[in-house]
Amino acid sequence: MDDTSRICPTRTDGSDSLFAHRVTLPKCQERQRKSFHKCFTCVHNNNLQEPMRAPAAAQKGAEKAAEAARPQLIR
């Protein structure tokens, strides 16, 4: 499969869906915006991806804050 399309839906539990087809990335996003009935079970669902991204972003922010609070050596 190329990087411009995906199987709709790609189920979160790894099992095959009864009816699946290849869609382009823009079509995938369009279907999500229109609340397509299969999107809630798909690994590409933006609402499922966001909670996974948030902890990583929070960790990165905490590391930057710790770095900024660390005393700097003056040479």
N, C-alpha and C. Protein backbone atom coordinates (compact mmCIF):
# COMPACT_ATOMS: atom_id res chain seq x y z
N MET A 1 0.85 -1.18 0.00
CA MET A 1 0.00 0.00 0.00
C MET A 1 0.90 1.24 0.00
N ASP A 2 0.51 2.27 -0.74
CA ASP A 2 1.31 3.48 -0.81
C ASP A 2 0.95 4.44 0.33
N ASP A 3 1.66 5.56 0.42
CA ASP A 3 1.44 6.53 1.49
C ASP A 3 0.28 7.48 1.22
N THR A 4 -0.37 7.37 0.06
CA THR A 4 -1.45 8.29 -0.27
C THR A 4 -2.83 7.68 -0.09
N SER A 5 -2.89 6.44 0.36
CA SER A 5 -4.19 5.80 0.59
C SER A 5 -4.09 4.86 1.78
N ARG A 6 -5.25 4.45 2.26
CA ARG A 6 -5.31 3.51 3.38
C ARG A 6 -6.57 2.65 3.25
N ILE A 7 -6.59 1.57 4.00
CA ILE A 7 -7.75 0.69 4.01
C ILE A 7 -8.77 1.26 4.99
N CYS A 8 -10.00 1.38 4.54
CA CYS A 8 -11.08 1.96 5.35
C CYS A 8 -12.12 0.89 5.64
N PRO A 9 -12.40 0.61 6.88
CA PRO A 9 -11.63 1.01 8.06
C PRO A 9 -10.52 0.02 8.35
N THR A 10 -9.48 0.50 9.02
CA THR A 10 -8.44 -0.36 9.57
C THR A 10 -8.78 -0.47 11.06
N ARG A 11 -9.36 -1.58 11.44
CA ARG A 11 -9.95 -1.70 12.77
C ARG A 11 -8.92 -1.67 13.89
N THR A 12 -9.30 -1.07 15.02
CA THR A 12 -8.42 -0.94 16.17
C THR A 12 -8.10 -2.29 16.80
N ASP A 13 -9.01 -3.25 16.69
CA ASP A 13 -8.78 -4.56 17.31
C ASP A 13 -7.98 -5.50 16.41
N GLY A 14 -7.62 -5.04 15.20
CA GLY A 14 -6.80 -5.84 14.30
C GLY A 14 -7.58 -6.83 13.45
N SER A 15 -8.86 -7.00 13.70
CA SER A 15 -9.63 -7.94 12.90
C SER A 15 -10.03 -7.32 11.56
N ASP A 16 -10.36 -8.16 10.60
CA ASP A 16 -10.78 -7.68 9.29
C ASP A 16 -12.21 -7.16 9.39
N SER A 17 -12.49 -6.11 8.63
CA SER A 17 -13.87 -5.61 8.59
C SER A 17 -14.63 -6.36 7.50
N LEU A 18 -15.92 -6.41 7.63
CA LEU A 18 -16.74 -7.15 6.68
C LEU A 18 -16.62 -6.54 5.28
N PHE A 19 -16.70 -5.22 5.20
CA PHE A 19 -16.52 -4.51 3.94
C PHE A 19 -15.45 -3.45 4.14
N ALA A 20 -14.36 -3.56 3.40
CA ALA A 20 -13.28 -2.58 3.48
C ALA A 20 -12.88 -2.18 2.06
N HIS A 21 -12.35 -0.98 1.94
CA HIS A 21 -11.90 -0.50 0.65
C HIS A 21 -10.78 0.51 0.84
N ARG A 22 -10.05 0.77 -0.24
CA ARG A 22 -8.94 1.71 -0.19
C ARG A 22 -9.48 3.12 -0.44
N VAL A 23 -9.07 4.07 0.41
CA VAL A 23 -9.46 5.47 0.22
C VAL A 23 -8.21 6.35 0.28
N THR A 24 -8.29 7.51 -0.34
CA THR A 24 -7.19 8.46 -0.28
C THR A 24 -7.21 9.14 1.08
N LEU A 25 -6.10 9.75 1.47
CA LEU A 25 -6.04 10.44 2.76
C LEU A 25 -7.05 11.59 2.83
N PRO A 26 -7.22 12.41 1.77
CA PRO A 26 -8.25 13.45 1.85
C PRO A 26 -9.65 12.88 2.02
N LYS A 27 -9.95 11.77 1.35
CA LYS A 27 -11.27 11.14 1.49
C LYS A 27 -11.46 10.63 2.91
N CYS A 28 -10.40 10.08 3.50
CA CYS A 28 -10.46 9.61 4.88
C CYS A 28 -10.82 10.77 5.82
N GLN A 29 -10.15 11.90 5.64
CA GLN A 29 -10.43 13.06 6.50
C GLN A 29 -11.84 13.59 6.27
N GLU A 30 -12.28 13.59 5.02
CA GLU A 30 -13.64 14.05 4.70
C GLU A 30 -14.68 13.17 5.40
N ARG A 31 -14.47 11.87 5.35
CA ARG A 31 -15.41 10.95 6.00
C ARG A 31 -15.44 11.16 7.51
N GLN A 32 -14.28 11.41 8.10
CA GLN A 32 -14.26 11.66 9.54
C GLN A 32 -15.03 12.92 9.89
N ARG A 33 -14.85 13.98 9.09
CA ARG A 33 -15.58 15.23 9.34
C ARG A 33 -17.08 15.04 9.22
N LYS A 34 -17.49 14.12 8.34
CA LYS A 34 -18.92 13.87 8.13
C LYS A 34 -19.46 12.74 9.01
N SER A 35 -18.65 12.29 9.98
CA SER A 35 -19.05 11.23 10.93
C SER A 35 -19.46 9.94 10.25
N PHE A 36 -18.64 9.51 9.30
CA PHE A 36 -18.88 8.23 8.62
C PHE A 36 -18.98 7.12 9.66
N HIS A 37 -19.93 6.24 9.52
CA HIS A 37 -20.24 5.26 10.56
C HIS A 37 -19.12 4.28 10.88
N LYS A 38 -18.15 4.08 9.99
CA LYS A 38 -17.07 3.13 10.28
C LYS A 38 -15.89 3.78 11.00
N CYS A 39 -15.82 5.11 11.02
CA CYS A 39 -14.64 5.80 11.54
C CYS A 39 -14.38 5.54 13.03
N PHE A 40 -15.41 5.33 13.81
CA PHE A 40 -15.19 5.16 15.25
C PHE A 40 -14.44 3.89 15.59
N THR A 41 -14.35 2.93 14.67
CA THR A 41 -13.61 1.69 14.92
C THR A 41 -12.26 1.66 14.22
N CYS A 42 -11.84 2.77 13.62
CA CYS A 42 -10.65 2.79 12.78
C CYS A 42 -9.43 3.36 13.52
N VAL A 43 -8.27 2.77 13.28
CA VAL A 43 -7.04 3.26 13.92
C VAL A 43 -6.63 4.63 13.40
N HIS A 44 -7.14 5.03 12.25
CA HIS A 44 -6.81 6.34 11.68
C HIS A 44 -7.75 7.43 12.17
N ASN A 45 -8.67 7.10 13.04
CA ASN A 45 -9.62 8.08 13.58
C ASN A 45 -8.85 9.15 14.35
N ASN A 46 -8.99 10.40 13.94
CA ASN A 46 -8.27 11.50 14.58
C ASN A 46 -8.59 11.61 16.07
N ASN A 47 -9.82 11.31 16.45
CA ASN A 47 -10.20 11.38 17.86
C ASN A 47 -9.49 10.32 18.70
N LEU A 48 -9.13 9.20 18.10
CA LEU A 48 -8.37 8.18 18.82
C LEU A 48 -6.89 8.53 18.87
N GLN A 49 -6.39 9.20 17.84
CA GLN A 49 -4.98 9.55 17.76
C GLN A 49 -4.61 10.67 18.73
N GLU A 50 -5.50 11.62 18.95
CA GLU A 50 -5.20 12.80 19.77
C GLU A 50 -4.78 12.44 21.20
N PRO A 51 -5.49 11.55 21.91
CA PRO A 51 -5.04 11.21 23.27
C PRO A 51 -3.65 10.59 23.31
N MET A 52 -3.25 9.92 22.22
CA MET A 52 -1.92 9.33 22.17
C MET A 52 -0.85 10.39 21.96
N ARG A 53 -1.19 11.47 21.24
CA ARG A 53 -0.24 12.55 20.98
C ARG A 53 -0.07 13.44 22.20
N ALA A 54 -1.13 13.68 22.94
CA ALA A 54 -1.11 14.63 24.05
C ALA A 54 -0.06 14.30 25.10
N PRO A 55 0.05 13.07 25.60
CA PRO A 55 1.08 12.79 26.61
C PRO A 55 2.50 13.05 26.11
N ALA A 56 2.77 12.73 24.86
CA ALA A 56 4.10 12.96 24.32
C ALA A 56 4.40 14.45 24.26
N ALA A 57 3.42 15.25 23.87
CA ALA A 57 3.60 16.70 23.81
C ALA A 57 3.78 17.27 25.22
N ALA A 58 3.03 16.75 26.17
CA ALA A 58 3.15 17.21 27.55
C ALA A 58 4.53 16.87 28.11
N GLN A 59 5.03 15.69 27.80
CA GLN A 59 6.35 15.27 28.25
C GLN A 59 7.42 16.18 27.67
N LYS A 60 7.30 16.47 26.37
CA LYS A 60 8.27 17.34 25.71
C LYS A 60 8.24 18.73 26.34
N GLY A 61 7.05 19.24 26.66
CA GLY A 61 6.92 20.55 27.31
C GLY A 61 7.54 20.55 28.69
N ALA A 62 7.38 19.47 29.43
CA ALA A 62 7.95 19.37 30.77
C ALA A 62 9.49 19.33 30.69
N GLU A 63 10.01 18.65 29.69
CA GLU A 63 11.47 18.60 29.51
C GLU A 63 12.03 19.99 29.19
N LYS A 64 11.33 20.74 28.34
CA LYS A 64 11.77 22.09 28.00
C LYS A 64 11.73 22.99 29.23
N ALA A 65 10.69 22.87 30.05
CA ALA A 65 10.56 23.68 31.26
C ALA A 65 11.69 23.35 32.24
N ALA A 66 12.01 22.08 32.37
CA ALA A 66 13.09 21.68 33.27
C ALA A 66 14.42 22.22 32.78
N GLU A 67 14.64 22.20 31.49
CA GLU A 67 15.86 22.71 30.89
C GLU A 67 16.00 24.22 31.14
N ALA A 68 14.89 24.94 31.00
CA ALA A 68 14.88 26.39 31.19
C ALA A 68 15.14 26.74 32.67
N ALA A 69 14.69 25.88 33.59
CA ALA A 69 14.85 26.16 35.02
C ALA A 69 16.25 25.78 35.54
N ARG A 70 16.99 24.99 34.78
CA ARG A 70 18.30 24.56 35.18
C ARG A 70 19.28 25.76 35.17
N PRO A 71 20.09 25.93 36.19
CA PRO A 71 21.03 27.03 36.21
C PRO A 71 22.04 26.91 35.08
N GLN A 72 22.38 28.03 34.49
CA GLN A 72 23.33 28.05 33.37
C GLN A 72 24.70 28.47 33.88
N LEU A 73 25.73 27.83 33.37
CA LEU A 73 27.09 28.20 33.73
C LEU A 73 27.51 29.43 32.93
N ILE A 74 28.11 30.35 33.59
CA ILE A 74 28.61 31.54 32.92
C ILE A 74 30.10 31.37 32.72
N ARG A 75 30.57 31.57 31.53
CA ARG A 75 31.99 31.38 31.22
C ARG A 75 32.63 32.70 30.96
